[in-house]
Structure formats: structure tokens, C-alpha cells
Amino acid sequence: LKRNTYDQYIYLLDTKNFAIRADLIRKLMFDSDLGN
């Protein structure tokens, strides 16, 4: 996490602890064909 953090932002999402605008996540959704 330290290596991938810049200012107050981070390159990668960890889904165990996050919140997002509903309109944004509904636009992108997750790839249901990925196992991990």
C-alpha cells in the first residue's frame, strides 16, 4: 500500500474496505468471469 500511494490517493482498490458513489460502480461493475 505504501509503494502504491501518492499524496492522498492510491493506485489499486482493495474491496474489503471501501465506499463508492452508486452511479459510478453501477457504470463499471465487476468482471464476473474473474475468479480472483
PDB file of all heavy atoms in Angstrom:
ATOM      1  N   LEU A   1       0.828  -1.202   0.000  1.00  0.00           N
ATOM      2  CA  LEU A   1       0.000   0.000   0.000  1.00  0.00           C
ATOM      3  C   LEU A   1       0.868   1.261   0.000  1.00  0.00           C
ATOM      4  O   LEU A   1       0.570   2.229  -0.704  1.00  0.00           O
ATOM      5  CB  LEU A   1      -0.937  -0.005   1.207  1.00  0.00           C
ATOM      6  CG  LEU A   1      -2.036  -1.066   1.219  1.00  0.00           C
ATOM      7  CD1 LEU A   1      -2.819  -1.011   2.514  1.00  0.00           C
ATOM      8  CD2 LEU A   1      -2.974  -0.904   0.026  1.00  0.00           C
ATOM      9  N   LYS A   2       1.945   1.251   0.776  1.00  0.00           N
ATOM     10  CA  LYS A   2       2.840   2.410   0.830  1.00  0.00           C
ATOM     11  C   LYS A   2       3.468   2.687  -0.527  1.00  0.00           C
ATOM     12  O   LYS A   2       3.603   3.834  -0.952  1.00  0.00           O
ATOM     13  CB  LYS A   2       3.933   2.180   1.880  1.00  0.00           C
ATOM     14  CG  LYS A   2       3.450   2.252   3.314  1.00  0.00           C
ATOM     15  CD  LYS A   2       4.588   1.998   4.287  1.00  0.00           C
ATOM     16  CE  LYS A   2       4.092   2.034   5.731  1.00  0.00           C
ATOM     17  NZ  LYS A   2       5.195   1.741   6.688  1.00  0.00           N
ATOM     18  N   ARG A   3       3.859   1.612  -1.231  1.00  0.00           N
ATOM     19  CA  ARG A   3       4.505   1.776  -2.536  1.00  0.00           C
ATOM     20  C   ARG A   3       3.546   2.322  -3.593  1.00  0.00           C
ATOM     21  O   ARG A   3       3.982   2.917  -4.571  1.00  0.00           O
ATOM     22  CB  ARG A   3       5.075   0.438  -3.036  1.00  0.00           C
ATOM     23  CG  ARG A   3       6.274  -0.065  -2.259  1.00  0.00           C
ATOM     24  CD  ARG A   3       6.987  -1.168  -3.034  1.00  0.00           C
ATOM     25  NE  ARG A   3       6.111  -2.283  -3.351  1.00  0.00           N
ATOM     26  CZ  ARG A   3       5.903  -3.333  -2.568  1.00  0.00           C
ATOM     27  NH1 ARG A   3       6.499  -3.392  -1.382  1.00  0.00           N
ATOM     28  NH2 ARG A   3       5.104  -4.313  -2.947  1.00  0.00           N
ATOM     29  N   ASN A   4       2.266   2.108  -3.389  1.00  0.00           N
ATOM     30  CA  ASN A   4       1.285   2.482  -4.408  1.00  0.00           C
ATOM     31  C   ASN A   4       0.416   3.666  -4.002  1.00  0.00           C
ATOM     32  O   ASN A   4      -0.614   3.917  -4.620  1.00  0.00           O
ATOM     33  CB  ASN A   4       0.406   1.276  -4.746  1.00  0.00           C
ATOM     34  CG  ASN A   4       1.155   0.223  -5.529  1.00  0.00           C
ATOM     35  OD1 ASN A   4       1.361   0.369  -6.731  1.00  0.00           O
ATOM     36  ND2 ASN A   4       1.593  -0.832  -4.854  1.00  0.00           N
ATOM     37  N   THR A   5       0.846   4.392  -2.974  1.00  0.00           N
ATOM     38  CA  THR A   5       0.119   5.567  -2.510  1.00  0.00           C
ATOM     39  C   THR A   5       0.841   6.831  -2.958  1.00  0.00           C
ATOM     40  O   THR A   5       2.066   6.913  -2.892  1.00  0.00           O
ATOM     41  CB  THR A   5       0.000   5.567  -0.975  1.00  0.00           C
ATOM     42  OG1 THR A   5      -0.680   4.380  -0.550  1.00  0.00           O
ATOM     43  CG2 THR A   5      -0.781   6.773  -0.484  1.00  0.00           C
ATOM     44  N   TYR A   6       0.093   7.798  -3.449  1.00  0.00           N
ATOM     45  CA  TYR A   6       0.663   9.085  -3.830  1.00  0.00           C
ATOM     46  C   TYR A   6      -0.261  10.182  -3.321  1.00  0.00           C
ATOM     47  O   TYR A   6      -1.472  10.135  -3.524  1.00  0.00           O
ATOM     48  CB  TYR A   6       0.846   9.186  -5.346  1.00  0.00           C
ATOM     49  CG  TYR A   6      -0.428   9.007  -6.139  1.00  0.00           C
ATOM     50  CD1 TYR A   6      -1.069  10.107  -6.711  1.00  0.00           C
ATOM     51  CD2 TYR A   6      -1.010   7.751  -6.290  1.00  0.00           C
ATOM     52  CE1 TYR A   6      -2.245   9.952  -7.419  1.00  0.00           C
ATOM     53  CE2 TYR A   6      -2.187   7.591  -7.007  1.00  0.00           C
ATOM     54  CZ  TYR A   6      -2.797   8.689  -7.569  1.00  0.00           C
ATOM     55  OH  TYR A   6      -3.970   8.527  -8.261  1.00  0.00           O
ATOM     56  N   ASP A   7       0.311  11.151  -2.611  1.00  0.00           N
ATOM     57  CA  ASP A   7      -0.483  12.183  -1.945  1.00  0.00           C
ATOM     58  C   ASP A   7      -1.540  11.491  -1.070  1.00  0.00           C
ATOM     59  O   ASP A   7      -1.220  10.702  -0.211  1.00  0.00           O
ATOM     60  CB  ASP A   7      -1.115  13.128  -2.958  1.00  0.00           C
ATOM     61  CG  ASP A   7      -0.074  13.925  -3.733  1.00  0.00           C
ATOM     62  OD1 ASP A   7       0.984  14.186  -3.148  1.00  0.00           O
ATOM     63  OD2 ASP A   7      -0.315  14.270  -4.897  1.00  0.00           O
ATOM     64  N   GLN A   8      -2.819  11.731  -1.351  1.00  0.00           N
ATOM     65  CA  GLN A   8      -3.903  11.119  -0.582  1.00  0.00           C
ATOM     66  C   GLN A   8      -4.598  10.008  -1.370  1.00  0.00           C
ATOM     67  O   GLN A   8      -5.661   9.543  -0.962  1.00  0.00           O
ATOM     68  CB  GLN A   8      -4.927  12.170  -0.177  1.00  0.00           C
ATOM     69  CG  GLN A   8      -4.413  13.202   0.809  1.00  0.00           C
ATOM     70  CD  GLN A   8      -5.483  14.210   1.167  1.00  0.00           C
ATOM     71  OE1 GLN A   8      -6.040  14.915   0.312  1.00  0.00           O
ATOM     72  NE2 GLN A   8      -5.794  14.294   2.435  1.00  0.00           N
ATOM     73  N   TYR A   9      -3.966   9.557  -2.438  1.00  0.00           N
ATOM     74  CA  TYR A   9      -4.633   8.621  -3.342  1.00  0.00           C
ATOM     75  C   TYR A   9      -3.805   7.355  -3.536  1.00  0.00           C
ATOM     76  O   TYR A   9      -2.606   7.323  -3.255  1.00  0.00           O
ATOM     77  CB  TYR A   9      -4.918   9.307  -4.679  1.00  0.00           C
ATOM     78  CG  TYR A   9      -5.851  10.475  -4.515  1.00  0.00           C
ATOM     79  CD1 TYR A   9      -5.338  11.760  -4.304  1.00  0.00           C
ATOM     80  CD2 TYR A   9      -7.231  10.299  -4.514  1.00  0.00           C
ATOM     81  CE1 TYR A   9      -6.189  12.840  -4.112  1.00  0.00           C
ATOM     82  CE2 TYR A   9      -8.085  11.374  -4.326  1.00  0.00           C
ATOM     83  CZ  TYR A   9      -7.566  12.638  -4.125  1.00  0.00           C
ATOM     84  OH  TYR A   9      -8.416  13.693  -3.924  1.00  0.00           O
ATOM     85  N   ILE A  10      -4.468   6.308  -4.030  1.00  0.00           N
ATOM     86  CA  ILE A  10      -3.813   5.017  -4.199  1.00  0.00           C
ATOM     87  C   ILE A  10      -4.173   4.452  -5.572  1.00  0.00           C
ATOM     88  O   ILE A  10      -5.257   4.727  -6.116  1.00  0.00           O
ATOM     89  CB  ILE A  10      -4.218   4.039  -3.067  1.00  0.00           C
ATOM     90  CG1 ILE A  10      -3.307   2.820  -3.047  1.00  0.00           C
ATOM     91  CG2 ILE A  10      -5.688   3.641  -3.155  1.00  0.00           C
ATOM     92  CD1 ILE A  10      -3.353   2.057  -1.730  1.00  0.00           C
ATOM     93  N   TYR A  11      -3.252   3.678  -6.138  1.00  0.00           N
ATOM     94  CA  TYR A  11      -3.445   3.153  -7.488  1.00  0.00           C
ATOM     95  C   TYR A  11      -4.447   2.004  -7.555  1.00  0.00           C
ATOM     96  O   TYR A  11      -5.119   1.814  -8.559  1.00  0.00           O
ATOM     97  CB  TYR A  11      -2.105   2.649  -8.058  1.00  0.00           C
ATOM     98  CG  TYR A  11      -1.137   3.743  -8.411  1.00  0.00           C
ATOM     99  CD1 TYR A  11      -0.004   3.967  -7.642  1.00  0.00           C
ATOM    100  CD2 TYR A  11      -1.347   4.544  -9.534  1.00  0.00           C
ATOM    101  CE1 TYR A  11       0.901   4.972  -7.980  1.00  0.00           C
ATOM    102  CE2 TYR A  11      -0.451   5.549  -9.877  1.00  0.00           C
ATOM    103  CZ  TYR A  11       0.675   5.754  -9.093  1.00  0.00           C
ATOM    104  OH  TYR A  11       1.557   6.745  -9.418  1.00  0.00           O
ATOM    105  N   LEU A  12      -4.520   1.213  -6.493  1.00  0.00           N
ATOM    106  CA  LEU A  12      -5.286  -0.032  -6.558  1.00  0.00           C
ATOM    107  C   LEU A  12      -6.371  -0.082  -5.491  1.00  0.00           C
ATOM    108  O   LEU A  12      -6.175   0.372  -4.362  1.00  0.00           O
ATOM    109  CB  LEU A  12      -4.355  -1.236  -6.385  1.00  0.00           C
ATOM    110  CG  LEU A  12      -3.299  -1.410  -7.484  1.00  0.00           C
ATOM    111  CD1 LEU A  12      -2.274  -2.443  -7.064  1.00  0.00           C
ATOM    112  CD2 LEU A  12      -3.946  -1.811  -8.794  1.00  0.00           C
ATOM    113  N   LEU A  13      -7.486  -0.681  -5.839  1.00  0.00           N
ATOM    114  CA  LEU A  13      -8.607  -0.814  -4.910  1.00  0.00           C
ATOM    115  C   LEU A  13      -8.535  -2.151  -4.173  1.00  0.00           C
ATOM    116  O   LEU A  13      -8.301  -3.195  -4.779  1.00  0.00           O
ATOM    117  CB  LEU A  13      -9.928  -0.741  -5.674  1.00  0.00           C
ATOM    118  CG  LEU A  13     -11.200  -0.960  -4.859  1.00  0.00           C
ATOM    119  CD1 LEU A  13     -11.384   0.174  -3.851  1.00  0.00           C
ATOM    120  CD2 LEU A  13     -12.416  -1.066  -5.773  1.00  0.00           C
ATOM    121  N   ASP A  14      -8.746  -2.102  -2.873  1.00  0.00           N
ATOM    122  CA  ASP A  14      -8.906  -3.307  -2.058  1.00  0.00           C
ATOM    123  C   ASP A  14     -10.362  -3.329  -1.604  1.00  0.00           C
ATOM    124  O   ASP A  14     -10.792  -2.473  -0.828  1.00  0.00           O
ATOM    125  CB  ASP A  14      -7.960  -3.280  -0.860  1.00  0.00           C
ATOM    126  CG  ASP A  14      -7.968  -4.580  -0.069  1.00  0.00           C
ATOM    127  OD1 ASP A  14      -8.955  -5.336  -0.189  1.00  0.00           O
ATOM    128  OD2 ASP A  14      -7.004  -4.838   0.666  1.00  0.00           O
ATOM    129  N   THR A  15     -11.103  -4.310  -2.070  1.00  0.00           N
ATOM    130  CA  THR A  15     -12.559  -4.302  -1.885  1.00  0.00           C
ATOM    131  C   THR A  15     -13.022  -4.711  -0.490  1.00  0.00           C
ATOM    132  O   THR A  15     -14.226  -4.724  -0.231  1.00  0.00           O
ATOM    133  CB  THR A  15     -13.226  -5.228  -2.924  1.00  0.00           C
ATOM    134  OG1 THR A  15     -12.487  -6.446  -3.016  1.00  0.00           O
ATOM    135  CG2 THR A  15     -13.262  -4.581  -4.294  1.00  0.00           C
ATOM    136  N   LYS A  16     -12.102  -5.044   0.391  1.00  0.00           N
ATOM    137  CA  LYS A  16     -12.540  -5.429   1.737  1.00  0.00           C
ATOM    138  C   LYS A  16     -12.951  -4.232   2.583  1.00  0.00           C
ATOM    139  O   LYS A  16     -13.534  -4.397   3.672  1.00  0.00           O
ATOM    140  CB  LYS A  16     -11.440  -6.213   2.460  1.00  0.00           C
ATOM    141  CG  LYS A  16     -10.257  -5.381   2.946  1.00  0.00           C
ATOM    142  CD  LYS A  16      -9.353  -6.150   3.893  1.00  0.00           C
ATOM    143  CE  LYS A  16      -8.620  -7.248   3.199  1.00  0.00           C
ATOM    144  NZ  LYS A  16      -7.565  -6.761   2.271  1.00  0.00           N
ATOM    145  N   ASN A  17     -12.670  -2.997   2.117  1.00  0.00           N
ATOM    146  CA  ASN A  17     -12.926  -1.821   2.933  1.00  0.00           C
ATOM    147  C   ASN A  17     -12.988  -0.586   2.043  1.00  0.00           C
ATOM    148  O   ASN A  17     -11.988   0.121   1.882  1.00  0.00           O
ATOM    149  CB  ASN A  17     -11.818  -1.679   3.985  1.00  0.00           C
ATOM    150  CG  ASN A  17     -12.002  -0.476   4.894  1.00  0.00           C
ATOM    151  OD1 ASN A  17     -13.060   0.144   4.919  1.00  0.00           O
ATOM    152  ND2 ASN A  17     -10.957  -0.137   5.643  1.00  0.00           N
ATOM    153  N   PHE A  18     -14.141  -0.317   1.452  1.00  0.00           N
ATOM    154  CA  PHE A  18     -14.253   0.871   0.601  1.00  0.00           C
ATOM    155  C   PHE A  18     -15.705   1.308   0.466  1.00  0.00           C
ATOM    156  O   PHE A  18     -16.637   0.574   0.794  1.00  0.00           O
ATOM    157  CB  PHE A  18     -13.637   0.605  -0.781  1.00  0.00           C
ATOM    158  CG  PHE A  18     -14.534  -0.096  -1.763  1.00  0.00           C
ATOM    159  CD1 PHE A  18     -15.109   0.600  -2.816  1.00  0.00           C
ATOM    160  CD2 PHE A  18     -14.810  -1.446  -1.653  1.00  0.00           C
ATOM    161  CE1 PHE A  18     -15.934  -0.036  -3.744  1.00  0.00           C
ATOM    162  CE2 PHE A  18     -15.620  -2.091  -2.574  1.00  0.00           C
ATOM    163  CZ  PHE A  18     -16.195  -1.380  -3.622  1.00  0.00           C
ATOM    164  N   ALA A  19     -15.866   2.531  -0.024  1.00  0.00           N
ATOM    165  CA  ALA A  19     -17.188   3.085  -0.338  1.00  0.00           C
ATOM    166  C   ALA A  19     -17.075   3.830  -1.654  1.00  0.00           C
ATOM    167  O   ALA A  19     -16.017   4.379  -1.988  1.00  0.00           O
ATOM    168  CB  ALA A  19     -17.666   4.027   0.765  1.00  0.00           C
ATOM    169  N   ILE A  20     -18.168   3.874  -2.416  1.00  0.00           N
ATOM    170  CA  ILE A  20     -18.145   4.447  -3.755  1.00  0.00           C
ATOM    171  C   ILE A  20     -19.511   5.014  -4.106  1.00  0.00           C
ATOM    172  O   ILE A  20     -20.536   4.526  -3.610  1.00  0.00           O
ATOM    173  CB  ILE A  20     -17.727   3.359  -4.783  1.00  0.00           C
ATOM    174  CG1 ILE A  20     -17.532   3.940  -6.185  1.00  0.00           C
ATOM    175  CG2 ILE A  20     -18.744   2.222  -4.802  1.00  0.00           C
ATOM    176  CD1 ILE A  20     -16.904   2.953  -7.170  1.00  0.00           C
ATOM    177  N   ARG A  21     -19.534   6.035  -4.932  1.00  0.00           N
ATOM    178  CA  ARG A  21     -20.807   6.536  -5.443  1.00  0.00           C
ATOM    179  C   ARG A  21     -21.509   5.427  -6.207  1.00  0.00           C
ATOM    180  O   ARG A  21     -20.906   4.758  -7.057  1.00  0.00           O
ATOM    181  CB  ARG A  21     -20.586   7.726  -6.381  1.00  0.00           C
ATOM    182  CG  ARG A  21     -20.088   8.979  -5.724  1.00  0.00           C
ATOM    183  CD  ARG A  21     -20.216  10.188  -6.672  1.00  0.00           C
ATOM    184  NE  ARG A  21     -20.370   9.835  -8.065  1.00  0.00           N
ATOM    185  CZ  ARG A  21     -19.430   9.967  -9.002  1.00  0.00           C
ATOM    186  NH1 ARG A  21     -18.243  10.413  -8.668  1.00  0.00           N
ATOM    187  NH2 ARG A  21     -19.683   9.647 -10.267  1.00  0.00           N
ATOM    188  N   ALA A  22     -22.765   5.241  -5.950  1.00  0.00           N
ATOM    189  CA  ALA A  22     -23.508   4.134  -6.562  1.00  0.00           C
ATOM    190  C   ALA A  22     -23.567   4.253  -8.076  1.00  0.00           C
ATOM    191  O   ALA A  22     -23.474   3.257  -8.786  1.00  0.00           O
ATOM    192  CB  ALA A  22     -24.920   4.068  -5.977  1.00  0.00           C
ATOM    193  N   ASP A  23     -23.702   5.481  -8.586  1.00  0.00           N
ATOM    194  CA  ASP A  23     -23.786   5.642 -10.034  1.00  0.00           C
ATOM    195  C   ASP A  23     -22.491   5.206 -10.717  1.00  0.00           C
ATOM    196  O   ASP A  23     -22.515   4.649 -11.824  1.00  0.00           O
ATOM    197  CB  ASP A  23     -24.138   7.083 -10.399  1.00  0.00           C
ATOM    198  CG  ASP A  23     -23.099   8.093  -9.917  1.00  0.00           C
ATOM    199  OD1 ASP A  23     -22.473   7.849  -8.867  1.00  0.00           O
ATOM    200  OD2 ASP A  23     -22.914   9.119 -10.594  1.00  0.00           O
ATOM    201  N   LEU A  24     -21.349   5.416 -10.074  1.00  0.00           N
ATOM    202  CA  LEU A  24     -20.064   5.042 -10.655  1.00  0.00           C
ATOM    203  C   LEU A  24     -19.878   3.535 -10.675  1.00  0.00           C
ATOM    204  O   LEU A  24     -19.476   2.954 -11.696  1.00  0.00           O
ATOM    205  CB  LEU A  24     -18.922   5.702  -9.875  1.00  0.00           C
ATOM    206  CG  LEU A  24     -17.497   5.345 -10.324  1.00  0.00           C
ATOM    207  CD1 LEU A  24     -17.285   5.693 -11.791  1.00  0.00           C
ATOM    208  CD2 LEU A  24     -16.464   6.050  -9.444  1.00  0.00           C
ATOM    209  N   ILE A  25     -20.179   2.873  -9.561  1.00  0.00           N
ATOM    210  CA  ILE A  25     -19.967   1.424  -9.517  1.00  0.00           C
ATOM    211  C   ILE A  25     -20.978   0.698 -10.402  1.00  0.00           C
ATOM    212  O   ILE A  25     -20.664  -0.353 -10.983  1.00  0.00           O
ATOM    213  CB  ILE A  25     -20.005   0.890  -8.069  1.00  0.00           C
ATOM    214  CG1 ILE A  25     -19.302  -0.471  -7.995  1.00  0.00           C
ATOM    215  CG2 ILE A  25     -21.427   0.819  -7.514  1.00  0.00           C
ATOM    216  CD1 ILE A  25     -19.009  -0.952  -6.597  1.00  0.00           C
ATOM    217  N   ARG A  26     -22.159   1.250 -10.558  1.00  0.00           N
ATOM    218  CA  ARG A  26     -23.139   0.638 -11.463  1.00  0.00           C
ATOM    219  C   ARG A  26     -22.719   0.792 -12.925  1.00  0.00           C
ATOM    220  O   ARG A  26     -23.074  -0.029 -13.769  1.00  0.00           O
ATOM    221  CB  ARG A  26     -24.521   1.251 -11.234  1.00  0.00           C
ATOM    222  CG  ARG A  26     -25.157   0.854  -9.905  1.00  0.00           C
ATOM    223  CD  ARG A  26     -26.619   1.231  -9.835  1.00  0.00           C
ATOM    224  NE  ARG A  26     -27.189   0.838  -8.555  1.00  0.00           N
ATOM    225  CZ  ARG A  26     -27.523   1.681  -7.587  1.00  0.00           C
ATOM    226  NH1 ARG A  26     -27.354   2.976  -7.750  1.00  0.00           N
ATOM    227  NH2 ARG A  26     -28.026   1.238  -6.440  1.00  0.00           N
ATOM    228  N   LYS A  27     -21.956   1.822 -13.201  1.00  0.00           N
ATOM    229  CA  LYS A  27     -21.452   2.036 -14.554  1.00  0.00           C
ATOM    230  C   LYS A  27     -20.360   1.022 -14.901  1.00  0.00           C
ATOM    231  O   LYS A  27     -20.326   0.484 -16.013  1.00  0.00           O
ATOM    232  CB  LYS A  27     -20.902   3.454 -14.675  1.00  0.00           C
ATOM    233  CG  LYS A  27     -20.294   3.774 -16.030  1.00  0.00           C
ATOM    234  CD  LYS A  27     -19.755   5.205 -16.047  1.00  0.00           C
ATOM    235  CE  LYS A  27     -19.096   5.520 -17.379  1.00  0.00           C
ATOM    236  NZ  LYS A  27     -18.554   6.915 -17.413  1.00  0.00           N
ATOM    237  N   LEU A  28     -19.485   0.740 -13.951  1.00  0.00           N
ATOM    238  CA  LEU A  28     -18.342  -0.134 -14.215  1.00  0.00           C
ATOM    239  C   LEU A  28     -18.622  -1.600 -13.890  1.00  0.00           C
ATOM    240  O   LEU A  28     -18.235  -2.497 -14.639  1.00  0.00           O
ATOM    241  CB  LEU A  28     -17.132   0.339 -13.402  1.00  0.00           C
ATOM    242  CG  LEU A  28     -16.512   1.661 -13.835  1.00  0.00           C
ATOM    243  CD1 LEU A  28     -15.415   2.064 -12.853  1.00  0.00           C
ATOM    244  CD2 LEU A  28     -15.948   1.578 -15.233  1.00  0.00           C
ATOM    245  N   MET A  29     -19.249  -1.860 -12.751  1.00  0.00           N
ATOM    246  CA  MET A  29     -19.489  -3.206 -12.227  1.00  0.00           C
ATOM    247  C   MET A  29     -18.160  -3.993 -12.151  1.00  0.00           C
ATOM    248  O   MET A  29     -17.084  -3.481 -12.464  1.00  0.00           O
ATOM    249  CB  MET A  29     -20.513  -3.959 -13.061  1.00  0.00           C
ATOM    250  CG  MET A  29     -21.852  -3.264 -13.169  1.00  0.00           C
ATOM    251  SD  MET A  29     -22.710  -3.006 -11.586  1.00  0.00           S
ATOM    252  CE  MET A  29     -23.398  -4.653 -11.301  1.00  0.00           C
ATOM    253  N   PHE A  30     -18.229  -5.236 -11.677  1.00  0.00           N
ATOM    254  CA  PHE A  30     -17.061  -6.109 -11.610  1.00  0.00           C
ATOM    255  C   PHE A  30     -17.144  -7.151 -12.716  1.00  0.00           C
ATOM    256  O   PHE A  30     -18.231  -7.478 -13.192  1.00  0.00           O
ATOM    257  CB  PHE A  30     -16.973  -6.786 -10.239  1.00  0.00           C
ATOM    258  CG  PHE A  30     -16.631  -5.856  -9.117  1.00  0.00           C
ATOM    259  CD1 PHE A  30     -17.632  -5.267  -8.354  1.00  0.00           C
ATOM    260  CD2 PHE A  30     -15.316  -5.545  -8.834  1.00  0.00           C
ATOM    261  CE1 PHE A  30     -17.324  -4.383  -7.319  1.00  0.00           C
ATOM    262  CE2 PHE A  30     -14.991  -4.669  -7.801  1.00  0.00           C
ATOM    263  CZ  PHE A  30     -16.000  -4.088  -7.053  1.00  0.00           C
ATOM    264  N   ASP A  31     -16.001  -7.655 -13.121  1.00  0.00           N
ATOM    265  CA  ASP A  31     -15.970  -8.709 -14.133  1.00  0.00           C
ATOM    266  C   ASP A  31     -16.333 -10.031 -13.453  1.00  0.00           C
ATOM    267  O   ASP A  31     -15.532 -10.578 -12.691  1.00  0.00           O
ATOM    268  CB  ASP A  31     -14.585  -8.787 -14.769  1.00  0.00           C
ATOM    269  CG  ASP A  31     -14.537  -9.768 -15.939  1.00  0.00           C
ATOM    270  OD1 ASP A  31     -15.403 -10.657 -16.010  1.00  0.00           O
ATOM    271  OD2 ASP A  31     -13.616  -9.656 -16.761  1.00  0.00           O
ATOM    272  N   SER A  32     -17.500 -10.551 -13.753  1.00  0.00           N
ATOM    273  CA  SER A  32     -17.988 -11.756 -13.074  1.00  0.00           C
ATOM    274  C   SER A  32     -17.296 -13.032 -13.540  1.00  0.00           C
ATOM    275  O   SER A  32     -17.518 -14.102 -12.964  1.00  0.00           O
ATOM    276  CB  SER A  32     -19.501 -11.886 -13.271  1.00  0.00           C
ATOM    277  OG  SER A  32     -19.814 -12.003 -14.649  1.00  0.00           O
ATOM    278  N   ASP A  33     -16.461 -12.930 -14.565  1.00  0.00           N
ATOM    279  CA  ASP A  33     -15.750 -14.111 -15.065  1.00  0.00           C
ATOM    280  C   ASP A  33     -14.391 -14.310 -14.396  1.00  0.00           C
ATOM    281  O   ASP A  33     -13.718 -15.309 -14.651  1.00  0.00           O
ATOM    282  CB  ASP A  33     -15.551 -14.008 -16.585  1.00  0.00           C
ATOM    283  CG  ASP A  33     -16.863 -14.123 -17.345  1.00  0.00           C
ATOM    284  OD1 ASP A  33     -17.749 -14.861 -16.868  1.00  0.00           O
ATOM    285  OD2 ASP A  33     -17.001 -13.465 -18.389  1.00  0.00           O
ATOM    286  N   LEU A  34     -13.996 -13.361 -13.556  1.00  0.00           N
ATOM    287  CA  LEU A  34     -12.714 -13.481 -12.865  1.00  0.00           C
ATOM    288  C   LEU A  34     -12.884 -14.232 -11.547  1.00  0.00           C
ATOM    289  O   LEU A  34     -13.788 -13.926 -10.770  1.00  0.00           O
ATOM    290  CB  LEU A  34     -12.120 -12.095 -12.599  1.00  0.00           C
ATOM    291  CG  LEU A  34     -11.746 -11.270 -13.842  1.00  0.00           C
ATOM    292  CD1 LEU A  34     -11.297  -9.877 -13.425  1.00  0.00           C
ATOM    293  CD2 LEU A  34     -10.666 -11.968 -14.652  1.00  0.00           C
ATOM    294  N   GLY A  35     -11.989 -15.171 -11.280  1.00  0.00           N
ATOM    295  CA  GLY A  35     -12.070 -15.937 -10.045  1.00  0.00           C
ATOM    296  C   GLY A  35     -11.429 -15.244  -8.864  1.00  0.00           C
ATOM    297  O   GLY A  35     -11.689 -15.577  -7.714  1.00  0.00           O
ATOM    298  N   ASN A  36     -10.566 -14.280  -9.132  1.00  0.00           N
ATOM    299  CA  ASN A  36      -9.880 -13.538  -8.073  1.00  0.00           C
ATOM    300  C   ASN A  36      -9.379 -12.223  -8.666  1.00  0.00           C
ATOM    301  O   ASN A  36      -9.357 -12.045  -9.880  1.00  0.00           O
ATOM    302  CB  ASN A  36      -8.708 -14.338  -7.506  1.00  0.00           C
ATOM    303  CG  ASN A  36      -8.291 -13.865  -6.116  1.00  0.00           C
ATOM    304  OD1 ASN A  36      -8.639 -12.770  -5.685  1.00  0.00           O
ATOM    305  ND2 ASN A  36      -7.544 -14.693  -5.415  1.00  0.00           N
TER     306      ASN A  36
END
